[in-house]
Amino acid sequence: MEYLSNIYFWNKKDITFFTCYKIRQILDILVRQENRDFDDVYADFLESNTYRAIQDTRSLLWYENDEFIVDEYYREKS
């Protein structure tokens, strides 16, 4: 299983805490909506392009609200 080990910067500012918190919030939404275990949802999310886009701070997806990112994830899955 992959672990977050990156430090995320945007405009020379460390946004690591914000990015990790955002990912956690998204995972919590997915757990509730899919009624699945956190570990299962986490493993699936790590394999997604949505997760990779959040990690790429140039995409600015990390700046979007949680529901928008969840919608992007479901669009990707369909």
N, C-alpha and C. Protein backbone atom coordinates (compact mmCIF):
# COMPACT_ATOMS: atom_id res chain seq x y z
N MET A 1 0.84 -1.17 0.00
CA MET A 1 0.00 0.00 0.00
C MET A 1 0.89 1.24 0.00
N GLU A 2 0.51 2.21 -0.78
CA GLU A 2 1.28 3.45 -0.90
C GLU A 2 0.96 4.40 0.25
N TYR A 3 1.95 5.12 0.68
CA TYR A 3 1.76 6.11 1.73
C TYR A 3 2.14 7.48 1.21
N LEU A 4 1.48 8.50 1.73
CA LEU A 4 1.80 9.86 1.34
C LEU A 4 3.17 10.22 1.87
N SER A 5 4.09 10.51 1.00
CA SER A 5 5.42 10.87 1.45
C SER A 5 5.90 12.15 0.78
N ASN A 6 5.07 12.73 -0.07
CA ASN A 6 5.45 13.93 -0.80
C ASN A 6 5.20 15.18 0.04
N ILE A 7 5.92 16.21 -0.29
CA ILE A 7 5.63 17.53 0.23
C ILE A 7 5.10 18.33 -0.95
N TYR A 8 3.94 18.93 -0.76
CA TYR A 8 3.28 19.63 -1.84
C TYR A 8 3.49 21.14 -1.70
N PHE A 9 3.94 21.75 -2.80
CA PHE A 9 4.16 23.19 -2.81
C PHE A 9 3.33 23.83 -3.90
N TRP A 10 2.85 25.02 -3.62
CA TRP A 10 2.16 25.84 -4.61
C TRP A 10 2.55 27.28 -4.33
N ASN A 11 3.05 27.97 -5.35
CA ASN A 11 3.55 29.34 -5.19
C ASN A 11 4.55 29.44 -4.04
N LYS A 12 5.44 28.47 -3.97
CA LYS A 12 6.50 28.40 -2.96
C LYS A 12 5.98 28.26 -1.53
N LYS A 13 4.73 27.86 -1.39
CA LYS A 13 4.16 27.64 -0.05
C LYS A 13 3.88 26.16 0.13
N ASP A 14 4.18 25.67 1.31
CA ASP A 14 3.95 24.28 1.64
C ASP A 14 2.46 24.07 1.90
N ILE A 15 1.82 23.30 1.06
CA ILE A 15 0.38 23.02 1.21
C ILE A 15 0.16 21.54 1.53
N THR A 16 1.17 20.90 2.06
CA THR A 16 1.11 19.47 2.34
C THR A 16 -0.05 19.13 3.29
N PHE A 17 -0.15 19.86 4.40
CA PHE A 17 -1.22 19.57 5.35
C PHE A 17 -2.58 19.73 4.69
N PHE A 18 -2.77 20.81 3.96
CA PHE A 18 -4.05 21.07 3.30
C PHE A 18 -4.38 19.96 2.31
N THR A 19 -3.39 19.56 1.52
CA THR A 19 -3.61 18.52 0.51
C THR A 19 -3.96 17.18 1.16
N CYS A 20 -3.23 16.81 2.19
CA CYS A 20 -3.52 15.55 2.89
C CYS A 20 -4.88 15.58 3.56
N TYR A 21 -5.22 16.72 4.15
CA TYR A 21 -6.53 16.87 4.77
C TYR A 21 -7.64 16.77 3.72
N LYS A 22 -7.42 17.37 2.57
CA LYS A 22 -8.39 17.32 1.47
C LYS A 22 -8.62 15.88 1.04
N ILE A 23 -7.54 15.13 0.88
CA ILE A 23 -7.66 13.73 0.48
C ILE A 23 -8.44 12.95 1.53
N ARG A 24 -8.16 13.20 2.79
CA ARG A 24 -8.88 12.51 3.87
C ARG A 24 -10.38 12.84 3.82
N GLN A 25 -10.71 14.09 3.60
CA GLN A 25 -12.12 14.50 3.51
C GLN A 25 -12.82 13.80 2.34
N ILE A 26 -12.15 13.70 1.24
CA ILE A 26 -12.70 13.03 0.06
C ILE A 26 -12.93 11.56 0.36
N LEU A 27 -11.96 10.93 1.00
CA LEU A 27 -12.10 9.52 1.35
C LEU A 27 -13.26 9.30 2.32
N ASP A 28 -13.45 10.20 3.26
CA ASP A 28 -14.58 10.08 4.19
C ASP A 28 -15.91 10.15 3.45
N ILE A 29 -16.00 11.03 2.47
CA ILE A 29 -17.23 11.12 1.66
C ILE A 29 -17.46 9.82 0.90
N LEU A 30 -16.40 9.30 0.29
CA LEU A 30 -16.52 8.05 -0.48
C LEU A 30 -16.92 6.88 0.41
N VAL A 31 -16.38 6.82 1.62
CA VAL A 31 -16.73 5.75 2.56
C VAL A 31 -18.23 5.81 2.87
N ARG A 32 -18.73 6.99 3.14
CA ARG A 32 -20.16 7.14 3.45
C ARG A 32 -21.03 6.81 2.25
N GLN A 33 -20.67 7.32 1.07
CA GLN A 33 -21.50 7.12 -0.11
C GLN A 33 -21.49 5.67 -0.60
N GLU A 34 -20.35 5.02 -0.47
CA GLU A 34 -20.24 3.66 -0.98
C GLU A 34 -20.46 2.60 0.09
N ASN A 35 -20.56 3.03 1.34
CA ASN A 35 -20.78 2.11 2.45
C ASN A 35 -19.75 0.97 2.44
N ARG A 36 -18.48 1.39 2.29
CA ARG A 36 -17.36 0.44 2.26
C ARG A 36 -16.36 0.81 3.34
N ASP A 37 -15.44 -0.10 3.62
CA ASP A 37 -14.38 0.16 4.59
C ASP A 37 -13.43 1.22 4.06
N PHE A 38 -12.86 1.99 4.99
CA PHE A 38 -11.93 3.05 4.62
C PHE A 38 -10.74 2.49 3.83
N ASP A 39 -10.18 1.39 4.28
CA ASP A 39 -9.00 0.83 3.62
C ASP A 39 -9.28 0.44 2.17
N ASP A 40 -10.47 -0.10 1.91
CA ASP A 40 -10.83 -0.48 0.55
C ASP A 40 -10.99 0.75 -0.34
N VAL A 41 -11.67 1.75 0.19
CA VAL A 41 -11.87 2.99 -0.57
C VAL A 41 -10.52 3.65 -0.84
N TYR A 42 -9.68 3.67 0.19
CA TYR A 42 -8.35 4.27 0.07
C TYR A 42 -7.53 3.58 -1.02
N ALA A 43 -7.53 2.27 -1.01
CA ALA A 43 -6.77 1.51 -2.02
C ALA A 43 -7.26 1.82 -3.43
N ASP A 44 -8.58 1.88 -3.62
CA ASP A 44 -9.13 2.21 -4.94
C ASP A 44 -8.78 3.63 -5.34
N PHE A 45 -8.89 4.57 -4.41
CA PHE A 45 -8.64 5.97 -4.72
C PHE A 45 -7.17 6.19 -5.10
N LEU A 46 -6.25 5.47 -4.46
CA LEU A 46 -4.84 5.62 -4.79
C LEU A 46 -4.53 5.25 -6.23
N GLU A 47 -5.35 4.40 -6.82
CA GLU A 47 -5.14 3.97 -8.20
C GLU A 47 -5.76 4.91 -9.23
N SER A 48 -6.43 5.95 -8.78
CA SER A 48 -7.20 6.80 -9.69
C SER A 48 -6.38 7.97 -10.26
N ASN A 49 -6.80 8.42 -11.43
CA ASN A 49 -6.23 9.62 -12.02
C ASN A 49 -6.59 10.85 -11.20
N THR A 50 -7.72 10.80 -10.54
CA THR A 50 -8.14 11.92 -9.69
C THR A 50 -7.13 12.12 -8.56
N TYR A 51 -6.70 11.04 -7.94
CA TYR A 51 -5.69 11.13 -6.89
C TYR A 51 -4.39 11.71 -7.43
N ARG A 52 -3.98 11.25 -8.60
CA ARG A 52 -2.75 11.76 -9.20
C ARG A 52 -2.88 13.24 -9.53
N ALA A 53 -4.06 13.66 -9.97
CA ALA A 53 -4.27 15.08 -10.29
C ALA A 53 -4.21 15.95 -9.03
N ILE A 54 -4.73 15.44 -7.92
CA ILE A 54 -4.64 16.19 -6.66
C ILE A 54 -3.18 16.37 -6.27
N GLN A 55 -2.38 15.36 -6.48
CA GLN A 55 -0.96 15.43 -6.13
C GLN A 55 -0.20 16.40 -7.01
N ASP A 56 -0.66 16.60 -8.23
CA ASP A 56 -0.01 17.55 -9.14
C ASP A 56 -0.59 18.93 -8.86
N THR A 57 0.12 19.70 -8.06
CA THR A 57 -0.43 20.98 -7.59
C THR A 57 -0.69 21.94 -8.74
N ARG A 58 -0.05 21.73 -9.89
CA ARG A 58 -0.30 22.60 -11.05
C ARG A 58 -1.72 22.43 -11.58
N SER A 59 -2.34 21.30 -11.32
CA SER A 59 -3.71 21.05 -11.81
C SER A 59 -4.75 21.88 -11.06
N LEU A 60 -4.40 22.31 -9.85
CA LEU A 60 -5.29 23.07 -8.97
C LEU A 60 -6.52 22.28 -8.53
N LEU A 61 -6.56 20.98 -8.81
CA LEU A 61 -7.69 20.18 -8.34
C LEU A 61 -7.74 20.16 -6.82
N TRP A 62 -6.61 20.21 -6.17
CA TRP A 62 -6.55 20.24 -4.70
C TRP A 62 -7.30 21.43 -4.14
N TYR A 63 -7.49 22.48 -4.94
CA TYR A 63 -8.14 23.71 -4.49
C TYR A 63 -9.67 23.64 -4.60
N GLU A 64 -10.17 22.69 -5.36
CA GLU A 64 -11.61 22.55 -5.55
C GLU A 64 -12.27 22.01 -4.28
N ASN A 65 -13.60 22.19 -4.19
CA ASN A 65 -14.29 21.67 -3.00
C ASN A 65 -14.38 20.14 -3.09
N ASP A 66 -14.60 19.55 -1.93
CA ASP A 66 -14.57 18.08 -1.81
C ASP A 66 -15.58 17.40 -2.72
N GLU A 67 -16.79 17.95 -2.79
CA GLU A 67 -17.85 17.33 -3.59
C GLU A 67 -17.50 17.34 -5.07
N PHE A 68 -16.87 18.41 -5.52
CA PHE A 68 -16.46 18.48 -6.92
C PHE A 68 -15.45 17.38 -7.23
N ILE A 69 -14.50 17.19 -6.34
CA ILE A 69 -13.47 16.17 -6.55
C ILE A 69 -14.08 14.77 -6.51
N VAL A 70 -15.02 14.54 -5.61
CA VAL A 70 -15.72 13.25 -5.57
C VAL A 70 -16.45 13.01 -6.89
N ASP A 71 -17.12 14.05 -7.41
CA ASP A 71 -17.79 13.93 -8.70
C ASP A 71 -16.80 13.60 -9.81
N GLU A 72 -15.64 14.23 -9.80
CA GLU A 72 -14.60 13.93 -10.79
C GLU A 72 -14.16 12.47 -10.69
N TYR A 73 -14.02 11.99 -9.47
CA TYR A 73 -13.63 10.60 -9.25
C TYR A 73 -14.68 9.65 -9.81
N TYR A 74 -15.95 9.92 -9.57
CA TYR A 74 -17.01 9.06 -10.10
C TYR A 74 -17.11 9.16 -11.62
N ARG A 75 -16.85 10.33 -12.19
CA ARG A 75 -16.83 10.46 -13.66
C ARG A 75 -15.72 9.59 -14.23
N GLU A 76 -14.58 9.61 -13.56
CA GLU A 76 -13.46 8.80 -14.01
C GLU A 76 -13.80 7.31 -13.96
N LYS A 77 -14.46 6.88 -12.91
CA LYS A 77 -14.79 5.46 -12.74
C LYS A 77 -15.83 4.98 -13.75
N SER A 78 -16.68 5.89 -14.25
CA SER A 78 -17.75 5.45 -15.15
C SER A 78 -17.31 5.36 -16.59
